[in-house]
Amino acid sequence: MAEVFLRKASGLVRDISARDVLFFNTGGINTGIGLAYIFLLGYAFYPGANQILALVLVAALAVIQTVTYLFFTITMPRSGGEYMFISRTLHPSVGFAMSFSYTLMMLFYSALAAAQFGKMGLASLFQILAVKTGNMSWIGPAEWASSPVGSFILGTILLFAFGAILIREMKTYLRVQMITWIISVLGLVAVMVVLLTLSQGHFADAFNAYAKDFINDPNPYARVISEAKAAGYTSGGFSWGSTIAASVWPFFALAFGAQSASFAGEIRKVGRSQFIGTTGAVVFSAVLSLIIIGLAQAAIGSEFLGAVAYNYYVAPDFSTPVTPWMHFLVTLATNNWLWIALIILGWIFWSYYWIPVNMLYVTRVVFAWSFDRLVPAKLGEVHRKYHTPANTVILATILTEFFLALIVLTPYLQTLVGIVTMTLTFVFVGLAAMAFPYVRKDLFARTPVNYRIAGIPVMSILGLVTAGGMAFICYRLLSDPVVAANTTPSLIFVFGQIVLGLIIFYVARAVRRRQDIDIDLAYREIPSE
């Protein structure tokens, strides 16, 4: 019988600190993109929703989720994330199928970030330059950057640049990540500073000065609201149903604060670092978001935020010529070039943050598959000089480029379609956490997190809440017309990945048996790192 694992040790190096994990998971959450979609869609299409309460509810679930992941990574500090948790607890085929679908969607959101670099980042930059300098020649570059061809070209450049960075040793990526984090957060700080100086009257005056050339009205701010109401927009009051429905948008960001589990085998002092870097990332991002949402509602007005976004989709003549991203609206109300520059740079950096974060996640998970002999050994090789899975980085870059083409050049993939499969994976992680203390009794007894309350393992309790909460989010995603995940093509895309993952697993298992390799033996053990 051949060796169970690809080799005796992974060849990866424990070079990652708690700070690195915090920066990584903050990027996975991506406060900038999360806020952008809350302001663009949350206020427009969920009348009566309290956006602050929706975010608090999601943040509470996300904290419980990160602690569930923390328990798993302390117990199994190895590369692979969800794949490791589910395959060693429930069943290898389920672990691979859910991990396979999740990994494809990580590539999808890397591609989405690459597309947003042009649409959300550079297009806003050029539009702001046009407004602030009075030089309308910047409008052409703004339109090109947000066009399908422009987004594709700019995204492609970014993808291959980060592919090259990820091939090099982790220290190279971590330096780039630190710079990205600092500038991204400074952008949010600048947003808060500007909002603190505004009143609704001040913002209305600034918007009117900007919009007078394309909205023929002495008060464009008020006209935006009146036209939105005439087109069907409603606001005001409070609705628990709308608040819970709107929670899918903060979930779009906050649910991804524990992705560092994918490279747990490379983290120093994994328990401490994971706690700081996962739960800390969720709390940090949630607090920043809550402050900005509260300030924006006071300074710009909830009604206007919803109306200008609603009109962008329903009555575009009474919205902004480019997407009314929140950071763009904020810059209209200041002439301080320091704050404008920081806001622009911050959002450009937020717009691409998902690219390296998601691609790094994918490389470590595919590496774990190869280590268990599910995929070709080439994908488990480590670069002799850089100690990174270079072949997997190249594959991830190529696949992300394919998704980028689908996103910007075709109408088939919607923004949140992939979150359904990812949330289903979170459900199975919760189920695995519930079962782990009972199906892996010996391993659980040896772990430092074998706490109990009234005889019930805390890990099982955390798993129950995680699984239940994520199952409810799945229901919301599939029943929300704004998300557009319940169309026939979307459902085929979502569940087809899981079926394909199951097929790949059983084909790989049969092939390995012909090679006298019993991969089932691997799932009885925790691989060496």
Protein backbone atom coordinates (compact mmCIF):
# COMPACT_ATOMS: atom_id res chain seq x y z
CA MET A 1 0.00 0.00 0.00
CA ALA A 2 1.39 3.41 -0.98
CA GLU A 3 1.95 6.27 1.48
CA VAL A 4 -1.36 7.71 2.74
CA PHE A 5 -0.38 11.37 2.34
CA LEU A 6 1.53 13.02 -0.49
CA ARG A 7 4.62 13.24 1.77
CA LYS A 8 5.50 13.28 5.47
CA ALA A 9 5.46 17.09 5.86
CA SER A 10 3.81 19.88 3.90
CA GLY A 11 6.92 22.00 3.37
CA LEU A 12 5.06 25.19 4.32
CA VAL A 13 6.58 27.51 6.93
CA ARG A 14 4.99 29.05 10.06
CA ASP A 15 5.70 32.71 9.23
CA ILE A 16 2.31 34.34 9.88
CA SER A 17 1.64 36.47 12.98
CA ALA A 18 -1.56 37.54 14.74
CA ARG A 19 -1.31 40.95 13.06
CA ASP A 20 -1.01 39.31 9.65
CA VAL A 21 -4.10 37.20 10.37
CA LEU A 22 -6.04 40.30 11.44
CA PHE A 23 -5.10 42.17 8.26
CA PHE A 24 -5.94 39.12 6.14
CA ASN A 25 -9.38 38.57 7.66
CA THR A 26 -10.20 42.28 7.58
CA GLY A 27 -9.54 42.02 3.85
CA GLY A 28 -11.77 38.95 3.64
CA ILE A 29 -14.54 40.90 5.33
CA ASN A 30 -13.76 43.94 3.17
CA THR A 31 -15.51 46.73 5.02
CA GLY A 32 -15.28 49.01 2.00
CA ILE A 33 -17.16 46.77 -0.42
CA GLY A 34 -19.54 45.70 2.34
CA LEU A 35 -20.50 49.31 3.07
CA ALA A 36 -20.71 50.11 -0.63
CA TYR A 37 -23.42 47.49 -1.15
CA ILE A 38 -25.27 48.30 2.06
CA PHE A 39 -25.61 51.92 0.90
CA LEU A 40 -26.32 51.02 -2.72
CA LEU A 41 -28.94 48.31 -2.15
CA GLY A 42 -29.86 48.14 1.54
CA TYR A 43 -31.45 51.58 1.71
CA ALA A 44 -33.05 51.40 -1.74
CA PHE A 45 -34.93 48.09 -1.71
CA TYR A 46 -35.74 47.25 1.92
CA PRO A 47 -38.29 49.85 3.12
CA GLY A 48 -38.48 50.08 6.89
CA ALA A 49 -35.16 48.30 7.42
CA ASN A 50 -32.92 49.50 10.22
CA GLN A 51 -29.47 49.10 8.68
CA ILE A 52 -27.66 49.47 12.00
CA LEU A 53 -29.74 46.74 13.63
CA ALA A 54 -29.30 44.47 10.59
CA LEU A 55 -25.54 44.84 10.85
CA VAL A 56 -25.53 44.17 14.62
CA LEU A 57 -27.52 40.96 14.13
CA VAL A 58 -25.13 39.73 11.44
CA ALA A 59 -22.08 40.72 13.49
CA ALA A 60 -23.34 38.65 16.44
CA LEU A 61 -23.74 35.58 14.21
CA ALA A 62 -20.33 36.22 12.61
CA VAL A 63 -18.62 36.35 16.03
CA ILE A 64 -20.14 32.98 16.97
CA GLN A 65 -19.02 31.62 13.60
CA THR A 66 -15.44 32.79 14.13
CA VAL A 67 -15.30 31.18 17.58
CA THR A 68 -16.56 27.94 16.02
CA TYR A 69 -13.71 28.15 13.50
CA LEU A 70 -11.31 28.98 16.35
CA PHE A 71 -12.21 25.75 18.16
CA PHE A 72 -11.58 23.77 14.98
CA THR A 73 -8.26 25.42 14.16
CA ILE A 74 -6.97 24.89 17.71
CA THR A 75 -7.96 21.23 17.43
CA MET A 76 -6.65 20.78 13.86
CA PRO A 77 -4.07 23.51 13.12
CA ARG A 78 -3.53 22.42 9.52
CA SER A 79 -4.05 23.87 6.05
CA GLY A 80 -7.44 23.31 4.42
CA GLY A 81 -10.05 25.23 6.42
CA GLU A 82 -13.58 23.96 5.90
CA TYR A 83 -12.31 20.97 3.95
CA MET A 84 -10.31 19.77 6.95
CA PHE A 85 -13.14 20.37 9.44
CA ILE A 86 -15.90 18.63 7.50
CA SER A 87 -13.91 15.77 5.96
CA ARG A 88 -12.45 14.69 9.32
CA THR A 89 -15.80 14.88 11.09
CA LEU A 90 -18.79 14.19 8.82
CA HIS A 91 -17.62 12.46 5.64
CA PRO A 92 -14.71 12.97 3.20
CA SER A 93 -17.01 13.29 0.19
CA VAL A 94 -19.10 15.97 1.90
CA GLY A 95 -15.96 17.78 3.02
CA PHE A 96 -14.54 17.84 -0.48
CA ALA A 97 -17.83 18.72 -2.23
CA MET A 98 -18.55 21.68 0.06
CA SER A 99 -14.93 22.80 -0.03
CA PHE A 100 -14.85 22.47 -3.81
CA SER A 101 -17.93 24.69 -4.26
CA TYR A 102 -16.64 27.19 -1.67
CA THR A 103 -13.26 27.37 -3.38
CA LEU A 104 -14.81 28.04 -6.78
CA MET A 105 -16.76 30.88 -5.24
CA MET A 106 -13.64 32.34 -3.66
CA LEU A 107 -12.25 32.51 -7.17
CA PHE A 108 -15.53 34.09 -8.31
CA TYR A 109 -15.24 36.84 -5.70
CA SER A 110 -11.57 37.40 -6.56
CA ALA A 111 -12.82 38.02 -10.09
CA LEU A 112 -15.62 40.27 -8.82
CA ALA A 113 -13.04 42.35 -6.94
CA ALA A 114 -10.95 42.56 -10.09
CA ALA A 115 -14.02 43.85 -11.94
CA GLN A 116 -14.85 46.31 -9.15
CA PHE A 117 -11.34 47.79 -9.35
CA GLY A 118 -12.42 49.56 -12.53
CA LYS A 119 -16.11 50.05 -11.76
CA MET A 120 -15.91 51.06 -8.10
CA GLY A 121 -12.32 52.24 -7.77
CA LEU A 122 -10.91 53.96 -10.84
CA ALA A 123 -14.27 55.08 -12.31
CA SER A 124 -15.06 56.91 -9.08
CA LEU A 125 -11.57 58.41 -9.06
CA PHE A 126 -11.97 59.87 -12.56
CA GLN A 127 -15.51 61.08 -11.89
CA ILE A 128 -14.41 62.83 -8.71
CA LEU A 129 -11.51 64.46 -10.55
CA ALA A 130 -13.95 65.71 -13.18
CA VAL A 131 -16.25 67.20 -10.54
CA LYS A 132 -13.53 68.75 -8.41
CA THR A 133 -11.37 70.18 -11.20
CA GLY A 134 -14.15 71.07 -13.62
CA ASN A 135 -12.27 69.21 -16.33
CA MET A 136 -14.91 67.04 -18.00
CA SER A 137 -12.27 65.17 -20.02
CA TRP A 138 -12.01 62.83 -17.00
CA ILE A 139 -15.50 61.52 -17.75
CA GLY A 140 -14.19 59.50 -20.71
CA PRO A 141 -11.70 57.50 -18.60
CA ALA A 142 -14.42 57.02 -15.94
CA GLU A 143 -16.80 55.53 -18.51
CA TRP A 144 -14.04 53.33 -19.94
CA ALA A 145 -12.96 52.02 -16.52
CA SER A 146 -16.56 51.02 -15.70
CA SER A 147 -17.23 49.50 -19.13
CA PRO A 148 -17.04 45.72 -19.64
CA VAL A 149 -13.86 45.95 -21.72
CA GLY A 150 -12.19 48.42 -19.36
CA SER A 151 -13.11 46.40 -16.28
CA PHE A 152 -11.80 43.24 -17.92
CA ILE A 153 -8.45 44.74 -18.94
CA LEU A 154 -7.84 46.44 -15.59
CA GLY A 155 -8.93 43.34 -13.68
CA THR A 156 -6.66 41.11 -15.74
CA ILE A 157 -3.64 43.28 -14.96
CA LEU A 158 -4.40 43.06 -11.24
CA LEU A 159 -4.98 39.30 -11.27
CA PHE A 160 -1.67 38.51 -12.88
CA ALA A 161 0.17 40.99 -10.66
CA PHE A 162 -1.16 39.33 -7.52
CA GLY A 163 -0.51 35.89 -8.95
CA ALA A 164 3.16 36.87 -9.26
CA ILE A 165 3.19 38.21 -5.69
CA LEU A 166 1.60 35.05 -4.24
CA ILE A 167 4.19 32.83 -5.91
CA ARG A 168 6.93 34.58 -3.98
CA GLU A 169 7.53 33.91 -0.29
CA MET A 170 4.75 34.85 2.14
CA LYS A 171 6.75 37.81 3.47
CA THR A 172 6.31 39.54 0.11
CA TYR A 173 2.54 39.13 0.19
CA LEU A 174 2.34 40.13 3.86
CA ARG A 175 4.18 43.41 3.18
CA VAL A 176 1.75 44.22 0.36
CA GLN A 177 -1.16 43.25 2.61
CA MET A 178 0.02 45.59 5.40
CA ILE A 179 0.25 48.56 3.01
CA THR A 180 -3.18 47.74 1.58
CA TRP A 181 -4.71 47.50 5.04
CA ILE A 182 -3.27 50.81 6.26
CA ILE A 183 -4.39 52.80 3.20
CA SER A 184 -7.82 51.12 3.12
CA VAL A 185 -8.52 51.94 6.77
CA LEU A 186 -7.22 55.49 6.38
CA GLY A 187 -9.78 55.87 3.59
CA LEU A 188 -12.57 54.96 6.02
CA VAL A 189 -11.17 57.34 8.63
CA ALA A 190 -11.26 60.12 6.04
CA VAL A 191 -14.90 59.28 5.28
CA MET A 192 -15.73 59.58 8.98
CA VAL A 193 -13.90 62.92 9.29
CA VAL A 194 -15.82 64.41 6.35
CA LEU A 195 -19.17 63.08 7.56
CA LEU A 196 -18.54 64.52 11.02
CA THR A 197 -18.24 68.00 9.50
CA LEU A 198 -21.48 67.74 7.50
CA SER A 199 -25.10 68.55 8.12
CA GLN A 200 -27.87 67.43 5.75
CA GLY A 201 -28.22 71.03 4.61
CA HIS A 202 -24.52 71.25 3.81
CA PHE A 203 -24.62 67.97 1.88
CA ALA A 204 -27.80 69.01 0.02
CA ASP A 205 -26.11 72.24 -1.07
CA ALA A 206 -23.04 70.33 -2.27
CA PHE A 207 -25.15 67.79 -4.15
CA ASN A 208 -27.26 70.54 -5.74
CA ALA A 209 -24.13 72.31 -6.97
CA TYR A 210 -22.93 69.06 -8.51
CA ALA A 211 -26.25 67.86 -9.97
CA LYS A 212 -27.62 71.12 -11.39
CA ASP A 213 -26.18 70.35 -14.84
CA PHE A 214 -28.03 67.05 -15.30
CA ILE A 215 -31.12 67.35 -13.04
CA ASN A 216 -33.17 70.31 -14.25
CA ASP A 217 -34.47 71.54 -10.92
CA PRO A 218 -33.45 74.30 -8.48
CA ASN A 219 -33.23 71.66 -5.73
CA PRO A 220 -31.89 68.38 -7.23
CA TYR A 221 -31.52 66.84 -3.74
CA ALA A 222 -35.28 67.10 -3.14
CA ARG A 223 -36.07 66.14 -6.75
CA VAL A 224 -34.13 62.89 -6.40
CA ILE A 225 -36.36 61.92 -3.46
CA SER A 226 -39.64 62.99 -5.06
CA GLU A 227 -38.91 61.19 -8.34
CA ALA A 228 -37.88 58.04 -6.48
CA LYS A 229 -41.18 58.05 -4.57
CA ALA A 230 -43.07 58.57 -7.82
CA ALA A 231 -41.25 55.53 -9.24
CA GLY A 232 -42.22 53.34 -6.28
CA TYR A 233 -39.57 54.00 -3.62
CA THR A 234 -40.79 53.99 -0.02
CA SER A 235 -38.98 54.86 3.19
CA GLY A 236 -39.65 55.59 6.82
CA GLY A 237 -41.07 53.56 9.69
CA PHE A 238 -39.56 50.38 11.02
CA SER A 239 -40.06 46.78 9.94
CA TRP A 240 -38.48 43.72 11.54
CA GLY A 241 -39.11 41.78 8.34
CA SER A 242 -37.28 44.32 6.17
CA THR A 243 -34.47 44.59 8.71
CA ILE A 244 -33.90 40.84 8.69
CA ALA A 245 -34.20 40.75 4.90
CA ALA A 246 -31.64 43.55 4.54
CA SER A 247 -29.16 41.59 6.68
CA VAL A 248 -27.98 39.74 3.55
CA TRP A 249 -25.89 42.80 2.64
CA PRO A 250 -23.83 43.14 5.84
CA PHE A 251 -23.59 39.34 5.72
CA PHE A 252 -22.01 39.75 2.28
CA ALA A 253 -18.95 41.05 4.15
CA LEU A 254 -18.93 40.05 7.81
CA ALA A 255 -19.37 36.30 7.26
CA PHE A 256 -15.85 36.01 5.86
CA GLY A 257 -13.77 36.85 8.90
CA ALA A 258 -12.31 33.38 9.51
CA GLN A 259 -10.74 32.52 6.17
CA SER A 260 -7.30 32.35 7.76
CA ALA A 261 -8.31 28.82 8.84
CA SER A 262 -7.21 27.84 5.34
CA PHE A 263 -3.55 28.35 6.27
CA ALA A 264 -3.70 27.54 9.99
CA GLY A 265 -0.60 25.39 9.60
CA GLU A 266 1.44 28.49 8.72
CA ILE A 267 0.33 30.61 11.69
CA ARG A 268 2.53 31.11 14.75
CA LYS A 269 0.75 30.58 18.12
CA VAL A 270 -2.33 29.55 16.21
CA GLY A 271 -4.90 29.76 19.02
CA ARG A 272 -3.99 33.29 20.11
CA SER A 273 -3.41 34.51 16.57
CA GLN A 274 -6.67 33.09 15.27
CA PHE A 275 -8.69 34.63 18.08
CA ILE A 276 -7.17 38.07 17.53
CA GLY A 277 -7.28 37.75 13.77
CA THR A 278 -10.80 36.34 13.30
CA THR A 279 -13.04 37.60 16.10
CA GLY A 280 -10.99 40.80 16.20
CA ALA A 281 -11.50 41.35 12.48
CA VAL A 282 -15.28 40.96 12.77
CA VAL A 283 -15.56 43.31 15.75
CA PHE A 284 -13.21 45.89 14.19
CA SER A 285 -15.05 45.86 10.86
CA ALA A 286 -18.50 45.92 12.45
CA VAL A 287 -17.66 48.90 14.68
CA LEU A 288 -16.19 50.86 11.74
CA SER A 289 -19.27 50.09 9.65
CA LEU A 290 -21.69 51.08 12.41
CA ILE A 291 -19.96 54.42 12.91
CA ILE A 292 -19.98 55.23 9.19
CA ILE A 293 -23.61 54.15 8.73
CA GLY A 294 -24.70 56.30 11.68
CA LEU A 295 -22.73 59.32 10.45
CA ALA A 296 -23.98 58.94 6.87
CA GLN A 297 -27.61 58.73 7.96
CA ALA A 298 -27.20 61.93 9.97
CA ALA A 299 -25.15 63.86 7.39
CA ILE A 300 -26.67 62.71 4.08
CA GLY A 301 -30.08 61.40 5.13
CA SER A 302 -31.40 57.85 4.99
CA GLU A 303 -34.19 58.86 2.63
CA PHE A 304 -31.81 60.41 0.11
CA LEU A 305 -29.36 57.48 0.34
CA GLY A 306 -32.17 55.12 -0.60
CA ALA A 307 -33.67 57.40 -3.25
CA VAL A 308 -30.48 58.12 -5.19
CA ALA A 309 -29.64 54.40 -5.29
CA TYR A 310 -33.22 53.41 -6.19
CA ASN A 311 -33.25 55.89 -9.06
CA TYR A 312 -29.95 54.55 -10.37
CA TYR A 313 -31.77 51.29 -11.14
CA VAL A 314 -35.33 52.50 -11.78
CA ALA A 315 -35.20 56.20 -12.84
CA PRO A 316 -31.57 56.88 -13.87
CA ASP A 317 -32.26 60.42 -15.09
CA PHE A 318 -32.64 61.39 -11.43
CA SER A 319 -29.54 59.75 -10.03
CA THR A 320 -25.82 60.29 -10.57
CA PRO A 321 -24.31 59.59 -13.99
CA VAL A 322 -22.03 56.98 -12.40
CA THR A 323 -22.94 54.49 -9.69
CA PRO A 324 -23.77 56.50 -6.54
CA TRP A 325 -21.28 54.70 -4.31
CA MET A 326 -21.19 56.11 -0.82
CA HIS A 327 -17.55 57.20 -1.05
CA PHE A 328 -18.35 59.18 -4.21
CA LEU A 329 -21.23 61.01 -2.50
CA VAL A 330 -19.04 61.87 0.48
CA THR A 331 -16.35 63.48 -1.68
CA LEU A 332 -18.95 65.79 -3.21
CA ALA A 333 -19.27 67.56 0.13
CA THR A 334 -15.62 68.46 0.73
CA ASN A 335 -12.97 70.48 -1.07
CA ASN A 336 -10.17 69.28 1.19
CA TRP A 337 -7.84 67.42 -1.17
CA LEU A 338 -6.21 65.46 1.65
CA TRP A 339 -9.55 63.86 2.60
CA ILE A 340 -10.52 63.43 -1.06
CA ALA A 341 -7.20 61.72 -1.86
CA LEU A 342 -7.45 59.38 1.15
CA ILE A 343 -11.07 58.46 0.36
CA ILE A 344 -10.25 57.74 -3.28
CA LEU A 345 -7.12 55.73 -2.47
CA GLY A 346 -8.89 53.87 0.31
CA TRP A 347 -11.69 52.73 -1.97
CA ILE A 348 -9.33 51.79 -4.76
CA PHE A 349 -7.49 49.55 -2.29
CA TRP A 350 -10.73 48.13 -0.85
CA SER A 351 -11.94 47.40 -4.37
CA TYR A 352 -9.13 44.90 -5.00
CA TYR A 353 -8.50 43.60 -1.44
CA TRP A 354 -10.44 40.39 -2.12
CA ILE A 355 -8.16 39.39 -4.98
CA PRO A 356 -5.05 38.33 -3.04
CA VAL A 357 -7.02 37.28 0.07
CA ASN A 358 -9.28 34.89 -1.83
CA MET A 359 -6.53 33.59 -4.09
CA LEU A 360 -4.33 32.84 -1.07
CA TYR A 361 -7.24 30.95 0.51
CA VAL A 362 -7.73 28.90 -2.65
CA THR A 363 -4.06 27.94 -2.98
CA ARG A 364 -3.95 26.51 0.56
CA VAL A 365 -7.18 24.55 0.23
CA VAL A 366 -6.22 23.03 -3.12
CA PHE A 367 -2.83 22.25 -1.58
CA ALA A 368 -4.65 20.34 1.21
CA TRP A 369 -6.63 18.35 -1.39
CA SER A 370 -3.40 17.39 -3.09
CA PHE A 371 -1.81 16.42 0.23
CA ASP A 372 -4.72 13.99 0.73
CA ARG A 373 -4.14 12.76 -2.87
CA LEU A 374 -7.52 13.91 -4.19
CA VAL A 375 -6.03 16.08 -6.94
CA PRO A 376 -2.72 15.77 -8.87
CA ALA A 377 0.50 15.83 -6.88
CA LYS A 378 1.74 18.81 -8.91
CA LEU A 379 -0.77 20.97 -7.03
CA GLY A 380 0.82 19.94 -3.74
CA GLU A 381 4.36 20.83 -4.72
CA VAL A 382 6.13 23.64 -2.87
CA HIS A 383 8.49 26.06 -4.62
CA ARG A 384 12.04 25.25 -3.48
CA LYS A 385 13.04 28.89 -3.05
CA TYR A 386 9.81 30.61 -1.94
CA HIS A 387 8.13 27.72 -0.03
CA THR A 388 4.77 28.47 -1.67
CA PRO A 389 2.47 26.21 -3.76
CA ALA A 390 3.38 27.97 -7.01
CA ASN A 391 1.52 25.56 -9.32
CA THR A 392 -1.69 26.11 -7.38
CA VAL A 393 -1.23 29.90 -7.59
CA ILE A 394 -0.92 29.65 -11.38
CA LEU A 395 -4.07 27.51 -11.59
CA ALA A 396 -6.01 29.90 -9.33
CA THR A 397 -4.96 32.88 -11.47
CA ILE A 398 -6.15 31.21 -14.67
CA LEU A 399 -9.49 30.17 -13.18
CA THR A 400 -10.07 33.63 -11.71
CA GLU A 401 -9.45 35.15 -15.13
CA PHE A 402 -12.17 32.85 -16.51
CA PHE A 403 -14.64 34.06 -13.85
CA LEU A 404 -13.68 37.67 -14.56
CA ALA A 405 -14.68 37.18 -18.19
CA LEU A 406 -18.03 35.68 -17.14
CA ILE A 407 -18.76 38.53 -14.72
CA VAL A 408 -17.96 41.51 -16.96
CA LEU A 409 -18.66 40.12 -20.42
CA THR A 410 -21.81 38.03 -19.80
CA PRO A 411 -25.09 38.49 -17.84
CA TYR A 412 -25.04 35.05 -16.22
CA LEU A 413 -23.50 35.61 -12.77
CA GLN A 414 -25.07 37.92 -10.17
CA THR A 415 -23.24 39.51 -7.24
CA LEU A 416 -24.54 37.25 -4.49
CA VAL A 417 -25.16 34.03 -6.39
CA GLY A 418 -21.98 32.48 -4.99
CA ILE A 419 -22.76 33.35 -1.39
CA VAL A 420 -25.45 30.65 -1.32
CA THR A 421 -22.94 27.83 -1.78
CA MET A 422 -20.53 29.47 0.65
CA THR A 423 -23.24 29.83 3.28
CA LEU A 424 -24.20 26.19 2.79
CA THR A 425 -20.59 25.34 3.55
CA PHE A 426 -20.88 27.34 6.78
CA VAL A 427 -23.96 25.26 7.64
CA PHE A 428 -21.91 22.08 7.27
CA VAL A 429 -19.07 23.53 9.36
CA GLY A 430 -21.65 24.16 12.08
CA LEU A 431 -22.95 20.59 11.77
CA ALA A 432 -19.38 19.29 11.93
CA ALA A 433 -18.74 21.33 15.10
CA MET A 434 -21.89 19.87 16.65
CA ALA A 435 -20.77 16.32 15.84
CA PHE A 436 -17.02 16.59 16.44
CA PRO A 437 -16.99 16.03 20.24
CA TYR A 438 -18.99 12.84 19.70
CA VAL A 439 -17.50 11.30 16.54
CA ARG A 440 -13.87 12.24 17.32
CA LYS A 441 -14.01 11.71 21.08
CA ASP A 442 -10.32 10.94 21.58
CA LEU A 443 -9.14 13.95 19.62
CA PHE A 444 -11.66 16.25 21.32
CA ALA A 445 -10.61 15.00 24.76
CA ARG A 446 -7.00 15.99 24.01
CA THR A 447 -7.81 19.45 22.72
CA PRO A 448 -7.51 22.49 25.04
CA VAL A 449 -11.02 23.63 24.05
CA ASN A 450 -12.95 20.64 25.38
CA TYR A 451 -15.17 22.86 27.52
CA ARG A 452 -18.66 21.80 28.59
CA ILE A 453 -21.77 23.52 29.89
CA ALA A 454 -24.17 21.25 31.79
CA GLY A 455 -22.33 18.32 30.24
CA ILE A 456 -22.82 19.58 26.67
CA PRO A 457 -19.64 20.43 24.74
CA VAL A 458 -19.37 24.18 24.09
CA MET A 459 -18.14 23.32 20.60
CA SER A 460 -21.45 21.57 19.88
CA ILE A 461 -23.42 24.57 21.14
CA LEU A 462 -21.42 26.92 18.95
CA GLY A 463 -21.95 24.58 16.01
CA LEU A 464 -25.70 24.49 16.57
CA VAL A 465 -25.98 28.29 16.54
CA THR A 466 -23.69 28.56 13.51
CA ALA A 467 -25.57 25.91 11.53
CA GLY A 468 -28.99 27.34 12.41
CA GLY A 469 -28.02 30.94 11.71
CA MET A 470 -26.38 30.08 8.41
CA ALA A 471 -29.33 27.94 7.34
CA PHE A 472 -31.62 30.91 7.91
CA ILE A 473 -29.31 33.15 5.86
CA CYS A 474 -29.45 30.56 3.06
CA TYR A 475 -33.22 30.79 3.13
CA ARG A 476 -33.06 34.59 2.96
CA LEU A 477 -30.61 34.52 0.06
CA LEU A 478 -32.77 32.11 -1.93
CA SER A 479 -36.00 34.03 -1.29
CA ASP A 480 -34.72 37.57 -1.93
CA PRO A 481 -35.41 38.91 -5.46
CA VAL A 482 -32.71 41.58 -5.08
CA VAL A 483 -30.08 38.90 -4.51
CA ALA A 484 -31.29 37.11 -7.66
CA ALA A 485 -29.97 33.75 -6.47
CA ASN A 486 -33.25 31.88 -7.02
CA THR A 487 -33.29 31.98 -10.81
CA THR A 488 -32.93 28.68 -12.67
CA PRO A 489 -29.41 29.46 -14.01
CA SER A 490 -28.31 30.59 -10.52
CA LEU A 491 -29.66 27.46 -8.84
CA ILE A 492 -27.99 25.24 -11.43
CA PHE A 493 -24.75 27.13 -10.88
CA VAL A 494 -25.03 26.87 -7.08
CA PHE A 495 -25.97 23.23 -6.67
CA GLY A 496 -24.21 22.01 -9.78
CA GLN A 497 -20.88 22.81 -8.14
CA ILE A 498 -21.68 20.60 -5.16
CA VAL A 499 -22.73 17.71 -7.40
CA LEU A 500 -19.58 18.17 -9.47
CA GLY A 501 -17.51 18.09 -6.28
CA LEU A 502 -19.08 14.77 -5.27
CA ILE A 503 -18.39 13.32 -8.72
CA ILE A 504 -14.76 14.45 -8.61
CA PHE A 505 -14.29 12.93 -5.16
CA TYR A 506 -15.58 9.49 -6.08
CA VAL A 507 -13.73 9.45 -9.40
CA ALA A 508 -10.50 10.41 -7.61
CA ARG A 509 -11.12 7.75 -4.99
CA ALA A 510 -11.57 5.07 -7.67
CA VAL A 511 -8.46 6.19 -9.55
CA ARG A 512 -6.34 6.11 -6.40
CA ARG A 513 -7.57 2.63 -5.50
CA ARG A 514 -6.36 1.41 -8.89
CA GLN A 515 -3.00 2.93 -7.95
CA ASP A 516 -3.10 0.97 -4.68
CA ILE A 517 -3.72 4.14 -2.64
CA ASP A 518 -6.58 4.05 -0.12
CA ILE A 519 -7.42 7.74 0.40
CA ASP A 520 -10.00 6.79 3.04
CA LEU A 521 -7.10 6.16 5.42
CA ALA A 522 -6.07 9.81 5.19
CA TYR A 523 -9.34 10.96 6.72
CA ARG A 524 -8.72 8.96 9.89
CA GLU A 525 -5.67 11.08 10.63
CA ILE A 526 -4.67 14.72 10.92
CA PRO A 527 -1.83 15.33 8.41
CA SER A 528 1.53 16.69 9.51
CA GLU A 529 2.20 20.32 8.63
